[in-house]
Amino acid sequence: MAARDDDASARAPEPEDLARICRALNEAGARYVLVGDLMGKACGLTYEDLAGDVESRDVLGVPVPVASAATLIRTKDTYRPQDAIDRAFLEGLTRGAK
């Protein structure tokens, strides 16, 4: 099957997709933190920068390291308008949790 760049062949990810990806990463011994995207850095922050503030979540029996709200706020420190919206939302969550 040829790779396609158009949205016509795209579908929404399912929990099974995340479990399959994270299972493969776990089996390969990869060090990663899920921050919404799979990338080497988020807002200039590396795995080492984020690893100390991670929550483990179970996705279909697969442990998935997920960035905490406080860590996600750090990754949203950009000039992008959407990041400002996300940051305000996350800051509201953290205030409500206290």
Protein backbone atom coordinates (compact mmCIF):
# COMPACT_ATOMS: atom_id res chain seq x y z
CA MET A 1 0.00 0.00 0.00
CA ALA A 2 1.43 3.39 -0.99
CA ALA A 3 1.83 6.09 1.65
CA ARG A 4 -0.68 8.92 1.36
CA ASP A 5 -0.57 12.45 2.68
CA ASP A 6 -4.23 13.33 2.23
CA ASP A 7 -6.90 13.30 4.92
CA ALA A 8 -9.08 10.92 2.90
CA SER A 9 -7.05 7.93 4.10
CA ALA A 10 -6.70 9.15 7.70
CA ARG A 11 -8.76 7.89 10.60
CA ALA A 12 -9.04 8.85 14.21
CA PRO A 13 -6.65 6.93 16.46
CA GLU A 14 -8.13 4.25 18.65
CA PRO A 15 -6.94 3.24 22.15
CA GLU A 16 -5.57 0.06 20.58
CA ASP A 17 -3.29 2.18 18.38
CA LEU A 18 -1.78 3.92 21.40
CA ALA A 19 -1.40 0.60 23.23
CA ARG A 20 0.36 -0.97 20.23
CA ILE A 21 2.79 1.95 19.86
CA CYS A 22 3.57 2.14 23.59
CA ARG A 23 3.94 -1.64 23.89
CA ALA A 24 6.52 -1.56 21.08
CA LEU A 25 8.36 1.35 22.70
CA ASN A 26 8.32 -0.40 26.10
CA GLU A 27 9.63 -3.66 24.60
CA ALA A 28 12.41 -1.75 22.83
CA GLY A 29 13.45 -0.15 26.11
CA ALA A 30 12.68 3.34 24.80
CA ARG A 31 12.58 6.22 27.25
CA TYR A 32 9.60 8.40 26.45
CA VAL A 33 6.88 10.53 27.98
CA LEU A 34 3.58 11.03 26.23
CA VAL A 35 2.85 14.75 25.96
CA GLY A 36 0.25 14.56 23.23
CA ASP A 37 2.72 14.01 20.40
CA LEU A 38 5.55 11.61 19.82
CA MET A 39 8.60 13.80 19.45
CA GLY A 40 12.15 14.05 20.67
CA LYS A 41 11.59 17.39 22.35
CA ALA A 42 8.58 19.43 23.44
CA CYS A 43 9.16 23.19 23.73
CA GLY A 44 12.88 22.49 23.94
CA LEU A 45 12.40 20.06 26.86
CA THR A 46 13.94 16.61 26.55
CA TYR A 47 13.00 13.29 28.14
CA GLU A 48 15.43 14.01 30.97
CA ASP A 49 13.71 17.35 31.62
CA LEU A 50 10.26 15.76 31.77
CA ALA A 51 10.89 12.33 33.31
CA GLY A 52 10.74 13.52 36.91
CA ASP A 53 7.08 14.57 36.67
CA VAL A 54 5.33 11.70 34.94
CA GLU A 55 2.20 9.74 35.77
CA SER A 56 1.84 6.14 34.58
CA ARG A 57 -1.52 5.31 32.98
CA ASP A 58 -2.80 1.92 31.92
CA VAL A 59 -3.99 1.74 28.30
CA LEU A 60 -5.40 -1.71 27.56
CA GLY A 61 -2.89 -3.33 29.91
CA VAL A 62 0.09 -1.34 28.67
CA PRO A 63 1.82 1.09 31.07
CA VAL A 64 2.09 4.50 29.38
CA PRO A 65 4.18 7.31 30.89
CA VAL A 66 2.08 10.49 30.60
CA ALA A 67 3.26 14.00 31.37
CA SER A 68 1.54 15.56 34.37
CA ALA A 69 -0.51 18.75 33.99
CA ALA A 70 2.39 20.78 35.42
CA THR A 71 4.77 19.27 32.87
CA LEU A 72 2.32 19.87 30.03
CA ILE A 73 2.15 23.53 31.06
CA ARG A 74 5.93 23.70 30.64
CA THR A 75 5.59 22.30 27.10
CA LYS A 76 3.02 24.98 26.20
CA ASP A 77 5.33 27.93 26.85
CA THR A 78 5.35 29.10 23.21
CA TYR A 79 4.13 31.96 21.04
CA ARG A 80 1.38 29.87 19.41
CA PRO A 81 -2.19 31.02 20.22
CA GLN A 82 -3.37 27.41 20.65
CA ASP A 83 -0.63 26.78 23.21
CA ALA A 84 -1.80 29.83 25.20
CA ILE A 85 -5.34 28.40 25.22
CA ASP A 86 -4.05 24.96 26.25
CA ARG A 87 -1.85 26.50 28.96
CA ALA A 88 -4.79 28.46 30.44
CA PHE A 89 -6.92 25.30 30.48
CA LEU A 90 -4.18 23.25 32.16
CA GLU A 91 -3.50 25.99 34.71
CA GLY A 92 -7.20 25.97 35.57
CA LEU A 93 -7.06 22.21 36.08
CA THR A 94 -4.09 22.47 38.41
CA ARG A 95 -5.74 25.27 40.44
CA GLY A 96 -8.92 23.17 40.75
CA ALA A 97 -6.96 20.15 41.98
CA LYS A 98 -5.44 22.00 44.94
